[in-house]
Amino acid sequence: MISSFKNFLVEEEKTIYFTFGRMNPPTVGHEKLLNVLSSKSGKNPYRAFVSQSQDKKKNPLSYKDKVKVIRKMFPKHARSIMLDVKVKTVFDAATKLYNEGHVNITMVVGSDRILEFEALLKKYNGQKGRHGFYNFNKISVVSAGDRDPDADGVEGMSASKMRTAANSGDFTTFSQGIPKNVSNVDTKNIFNMVRKGMGLKEEKETTRHVQLESVSEIRESYINGKLFKEGDTVIIKETEEVATIKNLGSNYVIVETGNKTYRKWLDAIELVEASPQDSDIKDRDGTQPARYHSGLAKTTKTKRDAHFKKHGKKADDDASAYQPAPGDKGSKTKPSKYTKAFKDMYDEQTVDAVKDRISREREVEKRKDMADKKRHDSMMDRARSARTRRNSRRTTGV
């Protein structure tokens, strides 16, 4: 019960923090996510919801088993791990929190999913749907500092790596994704639960933390000095820009192209020598990757190479540096893998709707500022008029 109006105001401004993910199976990456969630919430409450999908390929643990495992793996967060069969999506979670009386929500997710969830949650704020209804005063989505631990890929000990390890019976690799506070017996049980969910037999004999394999062949080759060295000319795979390596980091390199400097992971670049050169102009100075000249006439290729040499070293703020190169007319820019993933998550209309909403909100704020300024000017005019009248009366003695 709220004991005073002051406490009521405090309750009105309270924000609840939450996250939503598959966590199938949960890993040390999810532990980091929950720790950040707890830290960012401060004195505010926080909740962790998990999906209820179950299949042999990507979701081997059942919903109830998964919640049980998560609570056991991360005991300090156990009370905040929700078990509610009605919450199947992030919208269901938002509706539940709204029905509990919260007026502001902040979602904590991997840095690669901020835009996705921010657009979706704000799109349905104040809109009735199959999930129900929620209408928060403020919706925020903040980064947990790392990529989504549920995402597939090569970075860190992801859930996909643990599923692969369970599928191949590799208990050693699987156990590396389990927090150290979990006993070997419990780790073995979780390992077999995942295998059972994948339709595989239990492993009777398992040994934890024996001979470890190398984390990455690329990393091993890099450490041994066989991959890159300072001064190497490389191609940035995502943008297909030609760059030069300036510094070597622990698991990354600093590259420079024109007046721009980037930090790139080892698998984000490749040596120019490893990229096929165009047969028509391979004898010209510099590198001539075939991918830059595909489908062009030899004369156009020569002009294109001359264009890049002329404009490539100009400053970023020089408009002439952005003139289209010979062969670019009518061609379309290849979207990056991140752009493709973003568009796959939700359609263009969703993005446009969010942009329109933000534009309208800015316009409203602008009108409010103008109205406040007008009121302020009016008050100052009245004050000056009153002061003038007082001075006039003193002078005339009226």
Protein backbone atom coordinates (compact mmCIF):
# COMPACT_ATOMS: atom_id res chain seq x y z
CA MET A 1 0.00 0.00 0.00
CA ILE A 2 1.26 3.50 -0.89
CA SER A 3 1.43 5.39 2.40
CA SER A 4 1.71 8.95 1.08
CA PHE A 5 1.38 11.10 -2.01
CA LYS A 6 5.20 11.39 -2.13
CA ASN A 7 5.51 7.60 -2.24
CA PHE A 8 2.81 7.53 -4.93
CA LEU A 9 4.92 9.80 -7.14
CA VAL A 10 7.95 7.56 -6.61
CA GLU A 11 5.93 4.49 -7.58
CA GLU A 12 4.64 6.28 -10.68
CA GLU A 13 8.18 6.88 -11.93
CA LYS A 14 9.51 3.40 -11.13
CA THR A 15 10.92 1.48 -14.09
CA ILE A 16 11.07 -2.28 -14.41
CA TYR A 17 13.96 -3.86 -16.32
CA PHE A 18 13.62 -7.12 -18.25
CA THR A 19 15.07 -9.35 -20.95
CA PHE A 20 13.67 -12.03 -23.23
CA GLY A 21 15.56 -14.81 -24.98
CA ARG A 22 15.73 -18.47 -25.97
CA MET A 23 18.57 -19.54 -23.67
CA ASN A 24 18.45 -23.05 -25.09
CA PRO A 25 20.66 -24.13 -23.49
CA PRO A 26 21.74 -21.39 -21.04
CA THR A 27 25.45 -20.48 -21.13
CA VAL A 28 28.03 -18.30 -19.39
CA GLY A 29 27.06 -15.67 -21.96
CA HIS A 30 23.54 -15.60 -20.52
CA GLU A 31 25.05 -15.25 -17.04
CA LYS A 32 26.79 -12.06 -18.20
CA LEU A 33 23.49 -10.80 -19.63
CA LEU A 34 21.67 -11.40 -16.34
CA ASN A 35 24.46 -9.72 -14.37
CA VAL A 36 24.22 -6.63 -16.57
CA LEU A 37 20.41 -6.69 -16.25
CA SER A 38 20.70 -6.75 -12.46
CA SER A 39 23.35 -4.03 -12.44
CA LYS A 40 21.46 -1.65 -14.74
CA SER A 41 18.19 -2.07 -12.83
CA GLY A 42 19.79 -0.72 -9.63
CA LYS A 43 17.05 -0.54 -6.99
CA ASN A 44 14.35 -1.23 -9.57
CA PRO A 45 12.96 -4.75 -10.03
CA TYR A 46 14.05 -6.92 -12.99
CA ARG A 47 12.65 -9.97 -14.76
CA ALA A 48 14.00 -12.55 -17.22
CA PHE A 49 11.56 -14.25 -19.58
CA VAL A 50 12.44 -17.15 -21.88
CA SER A 51 10.71 -18.46 -25.00
CA GLN A 52 8.69 -21.67 -24.98
CA SER A 53 9.72 -22.99 -28.42
CA GLN A 54 10.90 -26.60 -28.47
CA ASP A 55 12.39 -28.60 -31.33
CA LYS A 56 15.30 -31.00 -31.82
CA LYS A 57 17.49 -28.60 -33.80
CA LYS A 58 17.62 -25.26 -31.94
CA ASN A 59 15.44 -25.67 -28.85
CA PRO A 60 16.14 -29.08 -27.28
CA LEU A 61 15.11 -28.19 -23.70
CA SER A 62 11.44 -28.01 -22.80
CA TYR A 63 10.18 -24.74 -21.31
CA LYS A 64 9.88 -26.00 -17.72
CA ASP A 65 13.19 -27.90 -17.86
CA LYS A 66 14.91 -24.82 -19.24
CA VAL A 67 13.64 -22.55 -16.45
CA LYS A 68 14.70 -25.17 -13.90
CA VAL A 69 18.21 -25.35 -15.40
CA ILE A 70 18.58 -21.56 -15.59
CA ARG A 71 17.59 -21.13 -11.94
CA LYS A 72 20.09 -23.80 -10.93
CA MET A 73 22.91 -22.35 -13.04
CA PHE A 74 22.35 -18.74 -11.91
CA PRO A 75 21.06 -18.98 -8.32
CA LYS A 76 21.44 -15.28 -7.47
CA HIS A 77 18.98 -14.46 -10.27
CA ALA A 78 16.64 -17.42 -9.60
CA ARG A 79 13.76 -15.33 -8.20
CA SER A 80 13.79 -13.12 -11.29
CA ILE A 81 13.59 -16.01 -13.78
CA MET A 82 9.89 -16.12 -14.70
CA LEU A 83 7.85 -19.29 -15.25
CA ASP A 84 4.56 -18.28 -16.90
CA VAL A 85 3.07 -20.41 -19.69
CA LYS A 86 1.07 -17.37 -20.90
CA VAL A 87 4.24 -15.44 -21.77
CA LYS A 88 5.39 -16.79 -25.14
CA THR A 89 6.68 -13.64 -26.86
CA VAL A 90 8.30 -10.34 -25.92
CA PHE A 91 4.89 -8.69 -26.43
CA ASP A 92 3.33 -11.06 -23.89
CA ALA A 93 6.09 -10.09 -21.47
CA ALA A 94 5.42 -6.38 -22.03
CA THR A 95 1.67 -6.91 -21.50
CA LYS A 96 2.29 -8.83 -18.26
CA LEU A 97 4.54 -6.07 -16.89
CA TYR A 98 1.99 -3.42 -17.85
CA ASN A 99 -0.80 -5.36 -16.12
CA GLU A 100 1.37 -5.47 -12.98
CA GLY A 101 1.14 -1.69 -12.88
CA HIS A 102 4.54 -0.64 -14.23
CA VAL A 103 4.53 2.58 -16.26
CA ASN A 104 8.08 2.48 -17.70
CA ILE A 105 10.07 -0.47 -19.05
CA THR A 106 13.69 -0.92 -20.05
CA MET A 107 14.73 -4.00 -22.01
CA VAL A 108 18.34 -5.20 -21.82
CA VAL A 109 19.56 -7.16 -24.86
CA GLY A 110 22.69 -7.95 -26.86
CA SER A 111 24.06 -4.96 -28.73
CA ASP A 112 23.13 -6.51 -32.09
CA ARG A 113 19.39 -6.61 -31.27
CA ILE A 114 18.70 -3.13 -29.87
CA LEU A 115 17.14 -1.67 -33.04
CA GLU A 116 14.99 -4.76 -33.57
CA PHE A 117 13.35 -4.76 -30.15
CA GLU A 118 13.08 -0.96 -29.87
CA ALA A 119 11.14 -0.78 -33.14
CA LEU A 120 8.85 -3.69 -32.30
CA LEU A 121 8.01 -2.68 -28.71
CA LYS A 122 7.30 0.94 -29.66
CA LYS A 123 5.26 -0.10 -32.71
CA TYR A 124 2.67 -1.90 -30.58
CA ASN A 125 2.69 0.49 -27.59
CA GLY A 126 -0.92 1.63 -27.13
CA GLN A 127 -2.13 -0.89 -29.74
CA LYS A 128 -4.43 -3.82 -28.98
CA GLY A 129 -3.35 -7.15 -30.44
CA ARG A 130 -3.34 -10.90 -29.89
CA HIS A 131 -0.84 -10.37 -27.09
CA GLY A 132 -3.26 -8.04 -25.28
CA PHE A 133 -2.54 -4.38 -24.58
CA TYR A 134 0.20 -2.24 -23.07
CA ASN A 135 0.70 1.51 -23.04
CA PHE A 136 3.89 2.57 -21.25
CA ASN A 137 4.94 6.16 -20.68
CA LYS A 138 8.48 5.28 -21.70
CA ILE A 139 10.04 2.31 -23.49
CA SER A 140 13.84 1.96 -23.58
CA VAL A 141 16.09 -0.75 -25.01
CA VAL A 142 19.71 -0.73 -23.82
CA SER A 143 22.78 -2.80 -24.59
CA ALA A 144 24.09 -5.56 -22.37
CA GLY A 145 27.53 -4.76 -23.78
CA ASP A 146 27.93 -7.93 -25.87
CA ARG A 147 26.27 -9.59 -28.83
CA ASP A 148 23.17 -11.68 -28.23
CA PRO A 149 24.30 -14.96 -26.54
CA ASP A 150 21.44 -16.74 -28.35
CA ALA A 151 22.76 -15.73 -31.79
CA ASP A 152 24.54 -18.19 -34.04
CA GLY A 153 28.18 -17.51 -34.89
CA VAL A 154 31.79 -17.99 -33.91
CA GLU A 155 32.09 -15.38 -31.17
CA GLY A 156 32.34 -16.72 -27.62
CA MET A 157 30.62 -19.76 -26.18
CA SER A 158 27.18 -19.40 -27.78
CA ALA A 159 24.16 -21.65 -27.30
CA SER A 160 24.65 -22.90 -30.87
CA LYS A 161 28.18 -24.10 -30.02
CA MET A 162 26.90 -25.95 -26.98
CA ARG A 163 24.18 -27.64 -29.03
CA THR A 164 26.82 -28.68 -31.56
CA ALA A 165 29.00 -30.07 -28.75
CA ALA A 166 26.06 -31.99 -27.27
CA ASN A 167 25.16 -33.37 -30.69
CA SER A 168 28.69 -34.69 -31.24
CA GLY A 169 29.02 -36.02 -27.69
CA ASP A 170 31.78 -33.52 -26.87
CA PHE A 171 31.29 -33.04 -23.14
CA THR A 172 34.58 -31.15 -22.74
CA THR A 173 33.55 -28.33 -25.08
CA PHE A 174 30.01 -28.31 -23.69
CA SER A 175 31.24 -27.93 -20.11
CA GLN A 176 33.23 -24.79 -21.06
CA GLY A 177 29.91 -22.98 -21.50
CA ILE A 178 28.68 -23.88 -18.00
CA PRO A 179 29.46 -21.60 -15.01
CA LYS A 180 32.13 -22.87 -12.60
CA ASN A 181 29.67 -22.96 -9.69
CA VAL A 182 27.79 -25.85 -11.34
CA SER A 183 29.07 -29.27 -10.25
CA ASN A 184 30.33 -31.89 -12.68
CA VAL A 185 27.31 -34.10 -11.91
CA ASP A 186 24.84 -31.29 -12.66
CA THR A 187 26.76 -30.35 -15.83
CA LYS A 188 26.54 -33.98 -16.96
CA ASN A 189 22.77 -33.97 -16.30
CA ILE A 190 22.28 -30.77 -18.33
CA PHE A 191 24.43 -32.24 -21.13
CA ASN A 192 22.23 -35.35 -21.29
CA MET A 193 19.02 -33.29 -21.05
CA VAL A 194 20.10 -31.39 -24.16
CA ARG A 195 21.03 -34.63 -25.96
CA LYS A 196 17.69 -36.18 -25.02
CA GLY A 197 15.86 -33.13 -26.38
CA MET A 198 17.78 -33.59 -29.64
CA GLY A 199 16.62 -37.21 -29.87
CA LEU A 200 20.02 -38.65 -28.92
CA LYS A 201 21.07 -41.24 -26.35
CA GLU A 202 22.56 -40.27 -23.01
CA GLU A 203 26.34 -40.31 -22.64
CA LYS A 204 27.29 -42.60 -19.76
CA GLU A 205 31.00 -41.80 -19.55
CA THR A 206 31.96 -38.13 -19.54
CA THR A 207 35.03 -36.32 -18.26
CA ARG A 208 35.16 -32.60 -17.70
CA HIS A 209 38.07 -30.30 -18.55
CA VAL A 210 40.63 -32.58 -20.16
CA GLN A 211 42.79 -31.70 -23.19
CA LEU A 212 41.48 -28.45 -24.74
CA GLU A 213 41.52 -27.90 -28.47
CA SER A 214 42.62 -24.62 -30.03
CA VAL A 215 39.88 -21.96 -29.96
CA SER A 216 40.35 -20.99 -33.61
CA GLU A 217 42.63 -22.04 -36.47
CA ILE A 218 42.67 -18.43 -37.70
CA ARG A 219 43.67 -17.18 -34.24
CA GLU A 220 46.39 -19.82 -33.90
CA SER A 221 47.80 -18.95 -37.32
CA TYR A 222 47.67 -15.23 -36.44
CA ILE A 223 49.48 -15.71 -33.11
CA ASN A 224 52.20 -17.72 -34.85
CA GLY A 225 52.74 -14.83 -37.30
CA LYS A 226 51.57 -16.79 -40.33
CA LEU A 227 48.43 -14.79 -41.16
CA PHE A 228 49.04 -11.01 -41.28
CA LYS A 229 51.83 -8.53 -40.74
CA GLU A 230 51.97 -4.74 -40.58
CA GLY A 231 51.94 -3.18 -44.06
CA ASP A 232 49.91 -6.01 -45.66
CA THR A 233 47.27 -4.95 -48.19
CA VAL A 234 43.91 -6.51 -47.36
CA ILE A 235 40.28 -6.41 -48.45
CA ILE A 236 37.52 -5.63 -45.94
CA LYS A 237 35.00 -8.37 -46.74
CA GLU A 238 31.85 -6.47 -45.72
CA THR A 239 32.48 -3.34 -47.82
CA GLU A 240 35.06 -4.74 -50.27
CA GLU A 241 37.37 -1.79 -49.58
CA VAL A 242 41.12 -2.18 -50.04
CA ALA A 243 43.02 -1.24 -46.88
CA THR A 244 46.48 -1.44 -45.32
CA ILE A 245 47.24 -3.02 -41.93
CA LYS A 246 48.75 -0.43 -39.58
CA ASN A 247 48.77 -2.27 -36.22
CA LEU A 248 48.32 -5.83 -34.97
CA GLY A 249 46.17 -6.39 -31.87
CA SER A 250 45.56 -9.49 -29.74
CA ASN A 251 42.72 -10.82 -31.92
CA TYR A 252 42.11 -7.88 -34.26
CA VAL A 253 43.95 -5.53 -36.61
CA ILE A 254 43.86 -1.78 -37.22
CA VAL A 255 43.49 -1.03 -40.93
CA GLU A 256 43.58 2.22 -42.85
CA THR A 257 41.87 3.07 -46.15
CA GLY A 258 42.18 6.62 -47.45
CA ASN A 259 41.75 8.88 -44.41
CA LYS A 260 39.66 6.34 -42.50
CA THR A 261 40.88 3.95 -39.80
CA TYR A 262 38.99 0.84 -38.70
CA ARG A 263 39.37 -1.92 -36.12
CA LYS A 264 38.59 -5.30 -37.72
CA TRP A 265 38.36 -8.87 -36.44
CA LEU A 266 40.67 -11.42 -38.04
CA ASP A 267 37.91 -13.09 -40.06
CA ALA A 268 36.60 -9.74 -41.39
CA ILE A 269 39.52 -9.20 -43.76
CA GLU A 270 41.58 -11.18 -46.25
CA LEU A 271 44.91 -10.64 -47.96
CA VAL A 272 44.70 -9.19 -51.46
CA GLU A 273 46.94 -12.00 -52.66
CA ALA A 274 44.20 -14.41 -51.60
CA SER A 275 41.65 -12.54 -53.72
CA PRO A 276 41.60 -13.34 -57.49
CA GLN A 277 43.00 -10.49 -59.62
CA ASP A 278 41.29 -9.28 -62.78
CA SER A 279 43.06 -10.85 -65.77
CA ASP A 280 42.65 -7.80 -68.03
CA ILE A 281 44.37 -5.24 -65.77
CA LYS A 282 46.30 -7.31 -63.25
CA ASP A 283 49.58 -5.82 -64.55
CA ARG A 284 48.63 -2.24 -63.59
CA ASP A 285 50.11 -0.72 -60.40
CA GLY A 286 48.35 -1.65 -57.18
CA THR A 287 45.80 -4.41 -56.60
CA GLN A 288 43.04 -5.21 -59.07
CA PRO A 289 40.53 -7.58 -57.38
CA ALA A 290 38.32 -9.29 -59.96
CA ARG A 291 35.21 -8.60 -57.86
CA TYR A 292 35.63 -4.83 -58.47
CA HIS A 293 35.64 -5.21 -62.27
CA SER A 294 33.21 -8.06 -62.88
CA GLY A 295 31.16 -7.67 -66.08
CA LEU A 296 32.97 -4.53 -67.30
CA ALA A 297 34.76 -3.87 -70.59
CA LYS A 298 38.57 -3.66 -70.47
CA THR A 299 38.56 0.09 -71.28
CA THR A 300 36.07 0.71 -68.44
CA LYS A 301 38.23 -1.32 -66.06
CA THR A 302 41.24 0.88 -66.89
CA LYS A 303 39.23 4.07 -66.33
CA ARG A 304 37.81 2.65 -63.09
CA ASP A 305 41.29 1.89 -61.75
CA ALA A 306 42.47 5.43 -62.63
CA HIS A 307 39.41 6.89 -60.88
CA PHE A 308 40.14 5.04 -57.62
CA LYS A 309 43.79 6.11 -57.69
CA LYS A 310 42.80 9.76 -58.23
CA HIS A 311 39.99 10.06 -55.68
CA GLY A 312 40.89 7.41 -53.10
CA LYS A 313 43.21 9.63 -51.05
CA LYS A 314 40.98 12.69 -50.84
CA ALA A 315 39.62 13.93 -47.50
CA ASP A 316 36.27 12.66 -46.22
CA ASP A 317 34.73 16.15 -46.39
CA ASP A 318 35.74 16.63 -50.04
CA ALA A 319 32.57 16.19 -52.12
CA SER A 320 34.58 15.29 -55.23
CA ALA A 321 35.82 12.14 -53.48
CA TYR A 322 32.32 10.63 -53.78
CA GLN A 323 31.88 10.90 -57.55
CA PRO A 324 30.62 7.62 -59.06
CA ALA A 325 33.34 5.52 -60.66
CA PRO A 326 33.17 4.36 -64.29
CA GLY A 327 30.95 1.30 -64.39
CA ASP A 328 28.86 2.30 -61.36
CA LYS A 329 26.01 3.91 -63.32
CA GLY A 330 22.85 1.85 -62.99
CA SER A 331 24.44 -0.59 -60.53
CA LYS A 332 23.03 -1.18 -57.05
CA THR A 333 25.01 -1.18 -53.82
CA LYS A 334 25.22 -4.66 -52.33
CA PRO A 335 23.53 -4.63 -48.91
CA SER A 336 25.64 -5.90 -46.01
CA LYS A 337 24.69 -9.01 -44.04
CA TYR A 338 23.54 -6.75 -41.19
CA THR A 339 21.19 -4.82 -43.47
CA LYS A 340 19.76 -8.08 -44.77
CA ALA A 341 19.25 -9.43 -41.25
CA PHE A 342 17.58 -6.17 -40.18
CA LYS A 343 15.14 -6.31 -43.12
CA ASP A 344 14.41 -9.98 -42.44
CA MET A 345 13.41 -9.13 -38.85
CA TYR A 346 10.67 -6.71 -39.88
CA ASP A 347 9.42 -4.98 -43.01
CA GLU A 348 10.19 -1.49 -44.33
CA GLN A 349 6.79 -0.22 -43.20
CA THR A 350 7.74 -0.87 -39.58
CA VAL A 351 10.93 1.14 -39.95
CA ASP A 352 9.09 3.97 -41.73
CA ALA A 353 6.39 3.99 -39.04
CA VAL A 354 9.00 4.31 -36.29
CA LYS A 355 10.76 7.10 -38.16
CA ASP A 356 7.45 8.93 -38.67
CA ARG A 357 6.61 8.58 -34.99
CA ILE A 358 9.98 9.95 -33.94
CA SER A 359 9.55 12.84 -36.39
CA ARG A 360 6.10 13.64 -34.97
CA GLU A 361 7.41 13.53 -31.41
CA ARG A 362 10.18 15.96 -32.31
CA GLU A 363 7.67 18.28 -33.98
CA VAL A 364 5.48 18.22 -30.86
CA GLU A 365 8.50 19.06 -28.69
CA LYS A 366 9.41 21.88 -31.06
CA ARG A 367 5.89 23.35 -30.83
CA LYS A 368 5.97 23.08 -27.04
CA ASP A 369 9.28 24.94 -26.93
CA MET A 370 7.90 27.68 -29.17
CA ALA A 371 4.77 27.98 -27.00
CA ASP A 372 6.91 28.19 -23.84
CA LYS A 373 9.05 30.90 -25.43
CA LYS A 374 5.94 32.85 -26.45
CA ARG A 375 4.53 32.64 -22.90
CA HIS A 376 7.87 33.74 -21.47
CA ASP A 377 8.07 36.71 -23.85
CA SER A 378 4.50 37.69 -22.98
CA MET A 379 5.25 37.57 -19.24
CA MET A 380 8.35 39.70 -19.73
CA ASP A 381 6.36 42.25 -21.77
CA ARG A 382 3.73 42.52 -19.02
CA ALA A 383 6.44 42.90 -16.38
CA ARG A 384 8.14 45.65 -18.36
CA SER A 385 4.81 47.45 -18.89
CA ALA A 386 3.98 47.29 -15.17
CA ARG A 387 7.43 48.64 -14.27
CA THR A 388 7.02 51.49 -16.77
CA ARG A 389 3.61 52.41 -15.27
CA ARG A 390 5.06 52.41 -11.73
CA ASN A 391 7.93 54.66 -12.76
CA SER A 392 5.50 56.99 -14.54
CA ARG A 393 3.31 57.35 -11.46
CA ARG A 394 6.33 58.15 -9.30
CA THR A 395 7.45 60.85 -11.77
CA THR A 396 4.02 62.50 -12.17
CA GLY A 397 3.03 62.05 -8.53
CA VAL A 398 -0.25 60.43 -9.54
